[in-house]
Amino acid sequence: MLSVVRLLLAMLTLAAIGWQLWLHIEASYNALNFFSYFTNLSNLLAAVVLLLSVFLRVRRHSALDSLRYVSATNMVVVGLVFVALLRNVDLGALRPWVNIVLHYVMPIAIVLDWVIEAPRSRLTARHLLLALIFPTAYLVYVLLRGAASNWYPYPFLVPANVGGYGGVALYAIGIFVTFLAVGSALLAIGNRARAAASGNRSRSSME
């Protein structure tokens, strides 16, 4: 049942992103801009991880646990940042059903997936560091590209909107702290679930 749900969620996410991309291109918007949204990138990663979880289920290994952890961290932050900073912002051509899938359904679903199936390997501070690499690289990319093209994916990253780069830095620090807190919480939840699952398997083998 879990595999079926994962497959359906992955297909729904890819359909939502594909539909919005088609509308984006049809309106003659820049395709690179579309893939410069953290939401789109994180949801694409989440869909891929769900598919890997389905088709590599027999050969579970630590790399997949790492991907699931990174994906879960990204998706929780996607949901939190949207609710805190973007819920009342004009979303332009973004279709309501796509918005619901990418900003509400998937963040909740990925967290539940993380809680329901414990990682097979123990998570460490290295995993937390790994979860921070992608958003850091993304921020550097967005700011450099924004300075060159004068286009930013989110209003809180536009220097003119937040009082210059100092304001952008404050938002970036706030979001970084959010990633750190979310990553730490998911790491603890994953290790606790793993320990509980190991204990259950040990008791079952003794009976």
N, C-alpha and C. Protein backbone atom coordinates (compact mmCIF):
# COMPACT_ATOMS: atom_id res chain seq x y z
N MET A 1 0.82 -1.21 0.00
CA MET A 1 0.00 0.00 0.00
C MET A 1 0.87 1.27 0.00
N LEU A 2 1.94 1.26 0.80
CA LEU A 2 2.82 2.42 0.85
C LEU A 2 3.44 2.69 -0.52
N SER A 3 3.84 1.64 -1.21
CA SER A 3 4.43 1.81 -2.54
C SER A 3 3.43 2.40 -3.52
N VAL A 4 2.18 1.96 -3.42
CA VAL A 4 1.13 2.49 -4.32
C VAL A 4 0.91 3.97 -4.06
N VAL A 5 0.84 4.35 -2.79
CA VAL A 5 0.64 5.76 -2.43
C VAL A 5 1.82 6.60 -2.91
N ARG A 6 3.02 6.08 -2.72
CA ARG A 6 4.21 6.80 -3.17
C ARG A 6 4.19 7.02 -4.68
N LEU A 7 3.81 5.98 -5.40
CA LEU A 7 3.75 6.07 -6.86
C LEU A 7 2.71 7.10 -7.29
N LEU A 8 1.55 7.09 -6.66
CA LEU A 8 0.49 8.03 -7.00
C LEU A 8 0.92 9.47 -6.69
N LEU A 9 1.56 9.66 -5.56
CA LEU A 9 2.03 11.01 -5.19
C LEU A 9 3.09 11.51 -6.17
N ALA A 10 4.00 10.62 -6.56
CA ALA A 10 5.04 11.01 -7.52
C ALA A 10 4.41 11.41 -8.85
N MET A 11 3.44 10.63 -9.32
CA MET A 11 2.78 10.93 -10.59
C MET A 11 2.00 12.24 -10.50
N LEU A 12 1.33 12.46 -9.37
CA LEU A 12 0.58 13.69 -9.18
C LEU A 12 1.51 14.91 -9.20
N THR A 13 2.64 14.78 -8.53
CA THR A 13 3.60 15.88 -8.48
C THR A 13 4.17 16.19 -9.86
N LEU A 14 4.56 15.15 -10.58
CA LEU A 14 5.11 15.35 -11.92
C LEU A 14 4.06 15.93 -12.85
N ALA A 15 2.81 15.51 -12.69
CA ALA A 15 1.73 16.06 -13.50
C ALA A 15 1.53 17.55 -13.19
N ALA A 16 1.57 17.91 -11.92
CA ALA A 16 1.39 19.31 -11.52
C ALA A 16 2.51 20.18 -12.07
N ILE A 17 3.74 19.72 -11.92
CA ILE A 17 4.88 20.49 -12.41
C ILE A 17 4.86 20.55 -13.93
N GLY A 18 4.56 19.42 -14.58
CA GLY A 18 4.51 19.40 -16.03
C GLY A 18 3.44 20.31 -16.58
N TRP A 19 2.27 20.33 -15.96
CA TRP A 19 1.17 21.20 -16.40
C TRP A 19 1.56 22.67 -16.26
N GLN A 20 2.15 23.02 -15.11
CA GLN A 20 2.52 24.41 -14.90
C GLN A 20 3.66 24.83 -15.83
N LEU A 21 4.59 23.91 -16.10
CA LEU A 21 5.68 24.21 -17.04
C LEU A 21 5.13 24.46 -18.44
N TRP A 22 4.17 23.65 -18.84
CA TRP A 22 3.56 23.82 -20.16
C TRP A 22 2.90 25.19 -20.27
N LEU A 23 2.17 25.60 -19.23
CA LEU A 23 1.54 26.92 -19.22
C LEU A 23 2.60 28.02 -19.25
N HIS A 24 3.67 27.79 -18.54
CA HIS A 24 4.77 28.75 -18.45
C HIS A 24 5.39 28.97 -19.83
N ILE A 25 5.68 27.89 -20.52
CA ILE A 25 6.29 27.98 -21.83
C ILE A 25 5.31 28.53 -22.86
N GLU A 26 4.04 28.12 -22.74
CA GLU A 26 3.02 28.61 -23.67
C GLU A 26 2.87 30.12 -23.59
N ALA A 27 3.10 30.67 -22.40
CA ALA A 27 3.01 32.12 -22.21
C ALA A 27 4.32 32.82 -22.56
N SER A 28 5.27 32.06 -23.14
CA SER A 28 6.56 32.61 -23.59
C SER A 28 7.43 33.08 -22.44
N TYR A 29 7.25 32.47 -21.27
CA TYR A 29 8.13 32.79 -20.15
C TYR A 29 9.42 31.97 -20.25
N ASN A 30 10.44 32.44 -19.56
CA ASN A 30 11.74 31.79 -19.57
C ASN A 30 11.67 30.46 -18.81
N ALA A 31 12.03 29.37 -19.50
CA ALA A 31 11.99 28.05 -18.87
C ALA A 31 12.98 27.95 -17.72
N LEU A 32 14.13 28.62 -17.83
CA LEU A 32 15.12 28.58 -16.76
C LEU A 32 14.56 29.24 -15.50
N ASN A 33 13.75 30.28 -15.67
CA ASN A 33 13.11 30.90 -14.51
C ASN A 33 12.23 29.90 -13.78
N PHE A 34 11.51 29.09 -14.54
CA PHE A 34 10.61 28.09 -13.94
C PHE A 34 11.40 27.14 -13.04
N PHE A 35 12.54 26.72 -13.52
CA PHE A 35 13.36 25.78 -12.75
C PHE A 35 14.28 26.49 -11.76
N SER A 36 14.05 27.78 -11.57
CA SER A 36 14.81 28.53 -10.56
C SER A 36 13.99 28.73 -9.29
N TYR A 37 12.80 28.16 -9.26
CA TYR A 37 11.99 28.19 -8.04
C TYR A 37 12.36 27.00 -7.15
N PHE A 38 12.66 27.28 -5.91
CA PHE A 38 13.03 26.22 -4.98
C PHE A 38 11.89 25.22 -4.81
N THR A 39 10.67 25.71 -4.87
CA THR A 39 9.50 24.83 -4.77
C THR A 39 9.50 23.77 -5.86
N ASN A 40 9.74 24.21 -7.10
CA ASN A 40 9.72 23.27 -8.23
C ASN A 40 10.86 22.26 -8.12
N LEU A 41 12.04 22.74 -7.79
CA LEU A 41 13.19 21.84 -7.67
C LEU A 41 12.98 20.83 -6.53
N SER A 42 12.47 21.30 -5.41
CA SER A 42 12.27 20.41 -4.26
C SER A 42 11.19 19.38 -4.54
N ASN A 43 10.13 19.79 -5.23
CA ASN A 43 9.07 18.84 -5.56
C ASN A 43 9.53 17.82 -6.60
N LEU A 44 10.36 18.25 -7.54
CA LEU A 44 10.93 17.30 -8.50
C LEU A 44 11.79 16.27 -7.78
N LEU A 45 12.63 16.74 -6.84
CA LEU A 45 13.45 15.81 -6.06
C LEU A 45 12.58 14.87 -5.26
N ALA A 46 11.52 15.39 -4.67
CA ALA A 46 10.62 14.56 -3.87
C ALA A 46 9.98 13.47 -4.73
N ALA A 47 9.57 13.82 -5.94
CA ALA A 47 8.97 12.84 -6.83
C ALA A 47 9.97 11.74 -7.20
N VAL A 48 11.20 12.15 -7.49
CA VAL A 48 12.24 11.18 -7.83
C VAL A 48 12.52 10.26 -6.65
N VAL A 49 12.61 10.82 -5.47
CA VAL A 49 12.89 10.01 -4.27
C VAL A 49 11.75 9.03 -4.00
N LEU A 50 10.51 9.48 -4.20
CA LEU A 50 9.38 8.57 -4.02
C LEU A 50 9.46 7.40 -5.01
N LEU A 51 9.81 7.70 -6.26
CA LEU A 51 9.93 6.64 -7.26
C LEU A 51 11.07 5.68 -6.91
N LEU A 52 12.17 6.23 -6.44
CA LEU A 52 13.28 5.37 -6.02
C LEU A 52 12.87 4.50 -4.84
N SER A 53 12.09 5.05 -3.95
CA SER A 53 11.64 4.30 -2.78
C SER A 53 10.75 3.14 -3.19
N VAL A 54 10.03 3.31 -4.30
CA VAL A 54 9.17 2.24 -4.81
C VAL A 54 9.98 1.17 -5.52
N PHE A 55 10.82 1.59 -6.46
CA PHE A 55 11.47 0.63 -7.35
C PHE A 55 12.79 0.08 -6.80
N LEU A 56 13.36 0.74 -5.77
CA LEU A 56 14.57 0.21 -5.15
C LEU A 56 14.28 -0.34 -3.77
N ARG A 57 13.02 -0.63 -3.51
CA ARG A 57 12.61 -1.02 -2.17
C ARG A 57 13.33 -2.26 -1.66
N VAL A 58 13.62 -3.21 -2.54
CA VAL A 58 14.28 -4.45 -2.12
C VAL A 58 15.74 -4.19 -1.79
N ARG A 59 16.31 -3.17 -2.43
CA ARG A 59 17.75 -2.91 -2.23
C ARG A 59 17.94 -1.60 -1.47
N ARG A 60 17.25 -1.47 -0.37
CA ARG A 60 17.38 -0.24 0.42
C ARG A 60 18.80 -0.09 0.93
N HIS A 61 19.34 1.12 0.81
CA HIS A 61 20.69 1.37 1.30
C HIS A 61 20.77 2.79 1.84
N SER A 62 21.90 3.13 2.42
CA SER A 62 22.04 4.41 3.12
C SER A 62 21.89 5.61 2.19
N ALA A 63 22.27 5.47 0.92
CA ALA A 63 22.15 6.59 -0.01
C ALA A 63 20.68 7.00 -0.17
N LEU A 64 19.79 6.03 -0.23
CA LEU A 64 18.37 6.34 -0.36
C LEU A 64 17.85 6.99 0.92
N ASP A 65 18.31 6.53 2.07
CA ASP A 65 17.94 7.18 3.33
C ASP A 65 18.37 8.65 3.33
N SER A 66 19.56 8.91 2.82
CA SER A 66 20.07 10.28 2.76
C SER A 66 19.20 11.14 1.85
N LEU A 67 18.83 10.59 0.69
CA LEU A 67 17.98 11.33 -0.24
C LEU A 67 16.60 11.60 0.36
N ARG A 68 16.04 10.62 1.04
CA ARG A 68 14.75 10.80 1.69
C ARG A 68 14.82 11.89 2.74
N TYR A 69 15.92 11.90 3.50
CA TYR A 69 16.10 12.91 4.55
C TYR A 69 16.22 14.31 3.95
N VAL A 70 17.05 14.46 2.93
CA VAL A 70 17.23 15.76 2.28
C VAL A 70 15.90 16.23 1.68
N SER A 71 15.20 15.33 1.02
CA SER A 71 13.92 15.68 0.42
C SER A 71 12.91 16.11 1.47
N ALA A 72 12.83 15.38 2.56
CA ALA A 72 11.89 15.73 3.62
C ALA A 72 12.21 17.10 4.21
N THR A 73 13.49 17.38 4.42
CA THR A 73 13.89 18.68 4.96
C THR A 73 13.49 19.80 4.00
N ASN A 74 13.79 19.63 2.72
CA ASN A 74 13.43 20.64 1.73
C ASN A 74 11.92 20.89 1.71
N MET A 75 11.14 19.81 1.71
CA MET A 75 9.71 19.95 1.56
C MET A 75 9.05 20.59 2.78
N VAL A 76 9.55 20.30 3.96
CA VAL A 76 9.01 20.96 5.15
C VAL A 76 9.25 22.46 5.07
N VAL A 77 10.45 22.86 4.67
CA VAL A 77 10.76 24.28 4.57
C VAL A 77 9.94 24.93 3.45
N VAL A 78 9.73 24.22 2.35
CA VAL A 78 8.87 24.75 1.28
C VAL A 78 7.50 25.10 1.84
N GLY A 79 6.92 24.18 2.60
CA GLY A 79 5.60 24.43 3.19
C GLY A 79 5.61 25.58 4.18
N LEU A 80 6.61 25.62 5.05
CA LEU A 80 6.68 26.66 6.08
C LEU A 80 6.90 28.04 5.48
N VAL A 81 7.82 28.13 4.53
CA VAL A 81 8.11 29.43 3.91
C VAL A 81 6.90 29.93 3.12
N PHE A 82 6.21 29.02 2.45
CA PHE A 82 5.02 29.45 1.70
C PHE A 82 3.97 30.00 2.64
N VAL A 83 3.68 29.28 3.71
CA VAL A 83 2.65 29.72 4.65
C VAL A 83 3.06 31.03 5.33
N ALA A 84 4.34 31.17 5.68
CA ALA A 84 4.79 32.34 6.43
C ALA A 84 5.00 33.57 5.56
N LEU A 85 5.49 33.38 4.33
CA LEU A 85 5.92 34.52 3.52
C LEU A 85 5.20 34.71 2.19
N LEU A 86 4.58 33.65 1.67
CA LEU A 86 4.09 33.73 0.30
C LEU A 86 2.60 33.45 0.15
N ARG A 87 1.93 33.06 1.21
CA ARG A 87 0.53 32.66 1.10
C ARG A 87 -0.34 33.77 0.55
N ASN A 88 -0.05 35.01 0.90
CA ASN A 88 -0.88 36.14 0.47
C ASN A 88 -0.26 36.93 -0.69
N VAL A 89 0.79 36.36 -1.29
CA VAL A 89 1.44 37.01 -2.43
C VAL A 89 0.74 36.58 -3.72
N ASP A 90 0.64 37.48 -4.67
CA ASP A 90 0.05 37.16 -5.97
C ASP A 90 0.90 36.08 -6.64
N LEU A 91 0.31 34.93 -6.92
CA LEU A 91 1.04 33.80 -7.49
C LEU A 91 0.99 33.78 -9.02
N GLY A 92 0.45 34.83 -9.61
CA GLY A 92 0.45 34.96 -11.06
C GLY A 92 -0.33 33.84 -11.73
N ALA A 93 0.34 33.16 -12.67
CA ALA A 93 -0.34 32.12 -13.47
C ALA A 93 -0.35 30.75 -12.79
N LEU A 94 0.12 30.68 -11.57
CA LEU A 94 0.14 29.38 -10.88
C LEU A 94 -1.28 28.90 -10.64
N ARG A 95 -1.62 27.72 -11.15
CA ARG A 95 -2.96 27.18 -11.00
C ARG A 95 -3.22 26.78 -9.55
N PRO A 96 -4.43 27.04 -9.05
CA PRO A 96 -4.73 26.72 -7.64
C PRO A 96 -4.47 25.26 -7.29
N TRP A 97 -4.84 24.32 -8.16
CA TRP A 97 -4.64 22.91 -7.81
C TRP A 97 -3.15 22.56 -7.77
N VAL A 98 -2.36 23.20 -8.64
CA VAL A 98 -0.91 22.99 -8.63
C VAL A 98 -0.34 23.55 -7.33
N ASN A 99 -0.80 24.72 -6.94
CA ASN A 99 -0.37 25.34 -5.70
C ASN A 99 -0.65 24.43 -4.50
N ILE A 100 -1.83 23.84 -4.47
CA ILE A 100 -2.21 22.96 -3.36
C ILE A 100 -1.31 21.73 -3.32
N VAL A 101 -1.05 21.15 -4.49
CA VAL A 101 -0.22 19.95 -4.54
C VAL A 101 1.21 20.25 -4.08
N LEU A 102 1.80 21.31 -4.63
CA LEU A 102 3.21 21.59 -4.38
C LEU A 102 3.49 22.20 -3.01
N HIS A 103 2.55 23.00 -2.50
CA HIS A 103 2.82 23.72 -1.26
C HIS A 103 2.14 23.14 -0.02
N TYR A 104 1.15 22.27 -0.23
CA TYR A 104 0.43 21.72 0.92
C TYR A 104 0.49 20.19 0.95
N VAL A 105 0.01 19.56 -0.12
CA VAL A 105 -0.09 18.11 -0.14
C VAL A 105 1.28 17.45 -0.01
N MET A 106 2.22 17.87 -0.85
CA MET A 106 3.52 17.20 -0.86
C MET A 106 4.34 17.41 0.41
N PRO A 107 4.41 18.62 0.96
CA PRO A 107 5.15 18.76 2.23
C PRO A 107 4.61 17.84 3.32
N ILE A 108 3.28 17.77 3.43
CA ILE A 108 2.69 16.90 4.45
C ILE A 108 2.95 15.44 4.14
N ALA A 109 2.78 15.06 2.86
CA ALA A 109 2.95 13.66 2.47
C ALA A 109 4.38 13.17 2.68
N ILE A 110 5.35 14.02 2.35
CA ILE A 110 6.75 13.60 2.48
C ILE A 110 7.14 13.45 3.95
N VAL A 111 6.62 14.31 4.80
CA VAL A 111 6.89 14.17 6.24
C VAL A 111 6.27 12.88 6.77
N LEU A 112 5.03 12.62 6.37
CA LEU A 112 4.38 11.38 6.81
C LEU A 112 5.14 10.16 6.32
N ASP A 113 5.63 10.23 5.08
CA ASP A 113 6.41 9.12 4.54
C ASP A 113 7.67 8.88 5.38
N TRP A 114 8.30 9.98 5.80
CA TRP A 114 9.51 9.88 6.63
C TRP A 114 9.20 9.26 7.99
N VAL A 115 8.03 9.63 8.54
CA VAL A 115 7.66 9.13 9.86
C VAL A 115 7.21 7.68 9.80
N ILE A 116 6.46 7.33 8.75
CA ILE A 116 5.89 5.98 8.64
C ILE A 116 6.96 4.92 8.42
N GLU A 117 7.91 5.21 7.52
CA GLU A 117 8.96 4.24 7.25
C GLU A 117 10.30 4.77 7.74
N ALA A 118 10.80 4.18 8.79
CA ALA A 118 12.05 4.63 9.40
C ALA A 118 13.24 4.37 8.47
N PRO A 119 14.25 5.22 8.52
CA PRO A 119 15.47 4.96 7.74
C PRO A 119 16.16 3.70 8.25
N ARG A 120 16.83 3.00 7.34
CA ARG A 120 17.55 1.78 7.74
C ARG A 120 18.90 2.08 8.38
N SER A 121 19.47 3.23 8.03
CA SER A 121 20.78 3.60 8.58
C SER A 121 20.63 4.73 9.58
N ARG A 122 21.57 4.80 10.52
CA ARG A 122 21.52 5.85 11.53
C ARG A 122 21.96 7.18 10.93
N LEU A 123 21.22 8.23 11.24
CA LEU A 123 21.53 9.57 10.73
C LEU A 123 22.49 10.27 11.68
N THR A 124 23.41 11.05 11.10
CA THR A 124 24.41 11.77 11.90
C THR A 124 24.44 13.24 11.48
N ALA A 125 25.36 13.97 12.08
CA ALA A 125 25.51 15.39 11.74
C ALA A 125 25.91 15.57 10.27
N ARG A 126 26.53 14.57 9.67
CA ARG A 126 26.87 14.65 8.25
C ARG A 126 25.63 14.76 7.38
N HIS A 127 24.58 14.07 7.79
CA HIS A 127 23.33 14.16 7.04
C HIS A 127 22.73 15.57 7.14
N LEU A 128 22.82 16.15 8.31
CA LEU A 128 22.33 17.52 8.48
C LEU A 128 23.12 18.48 7.60
N LEU A 129 24.43 18.31 7.57
CA LEU A 129 25.27 19.14 6.71
C LEU A 129 24.89 18.95 5.24
N LEU A 130 24.63 17.71 4.86
CA LEU A 130 24.22 17.42 3.49
C LEU A 130 22.92 18.14 3.15
N ALA A 131 21.99 18.18 4.08
CA ALA A 131 20.70 18.84 3.84
C ALA A 131 20.84 20.34 3.68
N LEU A 132 21.94 20.91 4.18
CA LEU A 132 22.15 22.36 4.10
C LEU A 132 22.89 22.76 2.82
N ILE A 133 23.50 21.81 2.14
CA ILE A 133 24.30 22.14 0.95
C ILE A 133 23.43 22.65 -0.18
N PHE A 134 22.34 21.93 -0.48
CA PHE A 134 21.50 22.31 -1.62
C PHE A 134 20.89 23.70 -1.46
N PRO A 135 20.23 24.02 -0.34
CA PRO A 135 19.66 25.38 -0.21
C PRO A 135 20.71 26.48 -0.22
N THR A 136 21.91 26.18 0.30
CA THR A 136 22.98 27.18 0.27
C THR A 136 23.43 27.44 -1.16
N ALA A 137 23.64 26.36 -1.92
CA ALA A 137 24.02 26.50 -3.33
C ALA A 137 22.92 27.20 -4.12
N TYR A 138 21.67 26.88 -3.80
CA TYR A 138 20.54 27.51 -4.48
C TYR A 138 20.53 29.01 -4.23
N LEU A 139 20.74 29.43 -2.99
CA LEU A 139 20.73 30.85 -2.66
C LEU A 139 21.84 31.59 -3.42
N VAL A 140 23.03 31.01 -3.47
CA VAL A 140 24.13 31.64 -4.19
C VAL A 140 23.77 31.79 -5.67
N TYR A 141 23.21 30.73 -6.25
CA TYR A 141 22.81 30.76 -7.66
C TYR A 141 21.77 31.85 -7.92
N VAL A 142 20.74 31.90 -7.08
CA VAL A 142 19.65 32.86 -7.28
C VAL A 142 20.14 34.30 -7.18
N LEU A 143 21.00 34.57 -6.21
CA LEU A 143 21.48 35.93 -6.03
C LEU A 143 22.41 36.35 -7.16
N LEU A 144 23.28 35.45 -7.60
CA LEU A 144 24.17 35.78 -8.71
C LEU A 144 23.39 35.96 -10.00
N ARG A 145 22.47 35.06 -10.26
CA ARG A 145 21.66 35.17 -11.48
C ARG A 145 20.74 36.39 -11.41
N GLY A 146 20.20 36.66 -10.23
CA GLY A 146 19.34 37.82 -10.07
C GLY A 146 20.07 39.12 -10.31
N ALA A 147 21.31 39.20 -9.82
CA ALA A 147 22.11 40.42 -10.03
C ALA A 147 22.42 40.62 -11.50
N ALA A 148 22.56 39.51 -12.24
CA ALA A 148 22.89 39.60 -13.67
C ALA A 148 21.66 39.84 -14.55
N SER A 149 20.53 39.25 -14.16
CA SER A 149 19.33 39.31 -15.01
C SER A 149 18.23 40.21 -14.46
N ASN A 150 18.38 40.63 -13.23
CA ASN A 150 17.35 41.44 -12.54
C ASN A 150 16.04 40.67 -12.40
N TRP A 151 16.14 39.36 -12.24
CA TRP A 151 14.95 38.53 -11.99
C TRP A 151 15.22 37.63 -10.80
N TYR A 152 14.28 37.64 -9.86
CA TYR A 152 14.39 36.81 -8.66
C TYR A 152 13.11 35.99 -8.50
N PRO A 153 13.21 34.76 -8.07
CA PRO A 153 12.01 33.91 -7.96
C PRO A 153 11.08 34.29 -6.82
N TYR A 154 11.61 34.91 -5.76
CA TYR A 154 10.79 35.22 -4.60
C TYR A 154 10.97 36.68 -4.19
N PRO A 155 9.88 37.35 -3.78
CA PRO A 155 9.97 38.78 -3.45
C PRO A 155 10.91 39.10 -2.31
N PHE A 156 11.07 38.19 -1.35
CA PHE A 156 11.95 38.47 -0.21
C PHE A 156 13.43 38.34 -0.58
N LEU A 157 13.73 37.92 -1.81
CA LEU A 157 15.11 37.87 -2.28
C LEU A 157 15.46 39.05 -3.17
N VAL A 158 14.48 39.91 -3.43
CA VAL A 158 14.71 41.09 -4.27
C VAL A 158 15.25 42.21 -3.38
N PRO A 159 16.49 42.63 -3.57
CA PRO A 159 17.07 43.67 -2.70
C PRO A 159 16.21 44.93 -2.61
N ALA A 160 15.62 45.34 -3.70
CA ALA A 160 14.81 46.56 -3.70
C ALA A 160 13.56 46.43 -2.84
N ASN A 161 13.10 45.22 -2.61
CA ASN A 161 11.89 45.00 -1.81
C ASN A 161 12.14 44.97 -0.32
N VAL A 162 13.38 44.67 0.07
CA VAL A 162 13.66 44.43 1.50
C VAL A 162 14.76 45.33 2.05
N GLY A 163 14.98 46.46 1.39
CA GLY A 163 15.96 47.41 1.90
C GLY A 163 17.40 47.10 1.56
N GLY A 164 17.61 46.42 0.45
CA GLY A 164 18.97 46.12 0.01
C GLY A 164 19.41 44.71 0.38
N TYR A 165 20.69 44.45 0.15
CA TYR A 165 21.21 43.11 0.40
C TYR A 165 21.26 42.77 1.89
N GLY A 166 21.26 43.80 2.74
CA GLY A 166 21.19 43.54 4.17
C GLY A 166 19.87 42.87 4.54
N GLY A 167 18.78 43.35 3.92
CA GLY A 167 17.47 42.74 4.15
C GLY A 167 17.42 41.32 3.60
N VAL A 168 18.02 41.12 2.43
CA VAL A 168 18.08 39.77 1.86
C VAL A 168 18.84 38.85 2.79
N ALA A 169 19.94 39.36 3.35
CA ALA A 169 20.75 38.55 4.26
C ALA A 169 19.95 38.14 5.49
N LEU A 170 19.12 39.04 6.01
CA LEU A 170 18.30 38.70 7.18
C LEU A 170 17.31 37.59 6.86
N TYR A 171 16.67 37.70 5.71
CA TYR A 171 15.74 36.64 5.29
C TYR A 171 16.49 35.32 5.09
N ALA A 172 17.67 35.41 4.47
CA ALA A 172 18.47 34.20 4.21
C ALA A 172 18.87 33.54 5.52
N ILE A 173 19.27 34.34 6.50
CA ILE A 173 19.64 33.78 7.81
C ILE A 173 18.43 33.12 8.47
N GLY A 174 17.27 33.78 8.38
CA GLY A 174 16.07 33.22 8.96
C GLY A 174 15.70 31.88 8.34
N ILE A 175 15.82 31.80 7.02
CA ILE A 175 15.49 30.55 6.33
C ILE A 175 16.55 29.49 6.62
N PHE A 176 17.81 29.91 6.74
CA PHE A 176 18.87 28.95 7.10
C PHE A 176 18.61 28.35 8.47
N VAL A 177 18.22 29.19 9.42
CA VAL A 177 17.90 28.70 10.77
C VAL A 177 16.71 27.74 10.71
N THR A 178 15.76 28.05 9.84
CA THR A 178 14.61 27.15 9.66
C THR A 178 15.07 25.79 9.13
N PHE A 179 15.95 25.80 8.13
CA PHE A 179 16.50 24.55 7.62
C PHE A 179 17.21 23.78 8.72
N LEU A 180 17.99 24.49 9.52
CA LEU A 180 18.74 23.85 10.60
C LEU A 180 17.80 23.21 11.62
N ALA A 181 16.75 23.94 11.99
CA ALA A 181 15.80 23.42 12.97
C ALA A 181 15.01 22.24 12.41
N VAL A 182 14.53 22.38 11.18
CA VAL A 182 13.76 21.31 10.56
C VAL A 182 14.63 20.07 10.35
N GLY A 183 15.85 20.28 9.85
CA GLY A 183 16.76 19.17 9.63
C GLY A 183 17.09 18.44 10.92
N SER A 184 17.31 19.19 11.99
CA SER A 184 17.61 18.57 13.29
C SER A 184 16.43 17.77 13.81
N ALA A 185 15.22 18.33 13.65
CA ALA A 185 14.02 17.63 14.12
C ALA A 185 13.79 16.34 13.33
N LEU A 186 13.92 16.40 12.01
CA LEU A 186 13.71 15.21 11.19
C LEU A 186 14.78 14.15 11.45
N LEU A 187 16.00 14.61 11.71
CA LEU A 187 17.08 13.67 12.04
C LEU A 187 16.74 12.92 13.32
N ALA A 188 16.31 13.66 14.33
CA ALA A 188 15.95 13.03 15.60
C ALA A 188 14.77 12.08 15.43
N ILE A 189 13.77 12.50 14.68
CA ILE A 189 12.60 11.65 14.44
C ILE A 189 13.00 10.38 13.71
N GLY A 190 13.87 10.52 12.69
CA GLY A 190 14.31 9.36 11.92
C GLY A 190 15.07 8.37 12.78
N ASN A 191 15.98 8.86 13.60
CA ASN A 191 16.76 7.95 14.46
C ASN A 191 15.88 7.29 15.52
N ARG A 192 14.93 8.04 16.05
CA ARG A 192 14.04 7.46 17.05
C ARG A 192 13.15 6.37 16.41
N ALA A 193 12.66 6.65 15.21
CA ALA A 193 11.83 5.66 14.51
C ALA A 193 12.65 4.43 14.14
N ARG A 194 13.90 4.65 13.76
CA ARG A 194 14.79 3.53 13.41
C ARG A 194 15.03 2.65 14.64
N ALA A 195 15.29 3.29 15.78
CA ALA A 195 15.54 2.53 17.01
C ALA A 195 14.30 1.74 17.40
N ALA A 196 13.12 2.35 17.27
CA ALA A 196 11.88 1.66 17.61
C ALA A 196 11.65 0.47 16.68
N ALA A 197 11.91 0.68 15.37
CA ALA A 197 11.72 -0.40 14.41
C ALA A 197 12.70 -1.54 14.67
N SER A 198 13.95 -1.20 15.02
CA SER A 198 14.95 -2.23 15.32
C SER A 198 14.54 -3.03 16.55
N GLY A 199 14.01 -2.33 17.54
CA GLY A 199 13.55 -3.01 18.75
C GLY A 199 12.40 -3.96 18.47
N ASN A 200 11.49 -3.53 17.61
CA ASN A 200 10.35 -4.38 17.25
C ASN A 200 10.81 -5.63 16.48
N ARG A 201 11.78 -5.44 15.58
CA ARG A 201 12.29 -6.58 14.83
C ARG A 201 13.01 -7.57 15.74
N SER A 202 13.74 -7.04 16.73
CA SER A 202 14.47 -7.92 17.67
C SER A 202 13.48 -8.73 18.50
N ARG A 203 12.42 -8.07 18.96
CA ARG A 203 11.43 -8.79 19.77
C ARG A 203 10.71 -9.86 18.95
N SER A 204 10.45 -9.51 17.68
CA SER A 204 9.76 -10.47 16.80
C SER A 204 10.61 -11.70 16.54
N SER A 205 11.94 -11.49 16.39
CA SER A 205 12.82 -12.61 16.12
C SER A 205 12.99 -13.54 17.32
N MET A 206 12.73 -12.98 18.53
CA MET A 206 12.87 -13.78 19.73
C MET A 206 11.63 -14.59 20.05
N GLU A 207 10.50 -14.22 19.43
CA GLU A 207 9.25 -14.90 19.74
C GLU A 207 9.10 -16.19 18.93
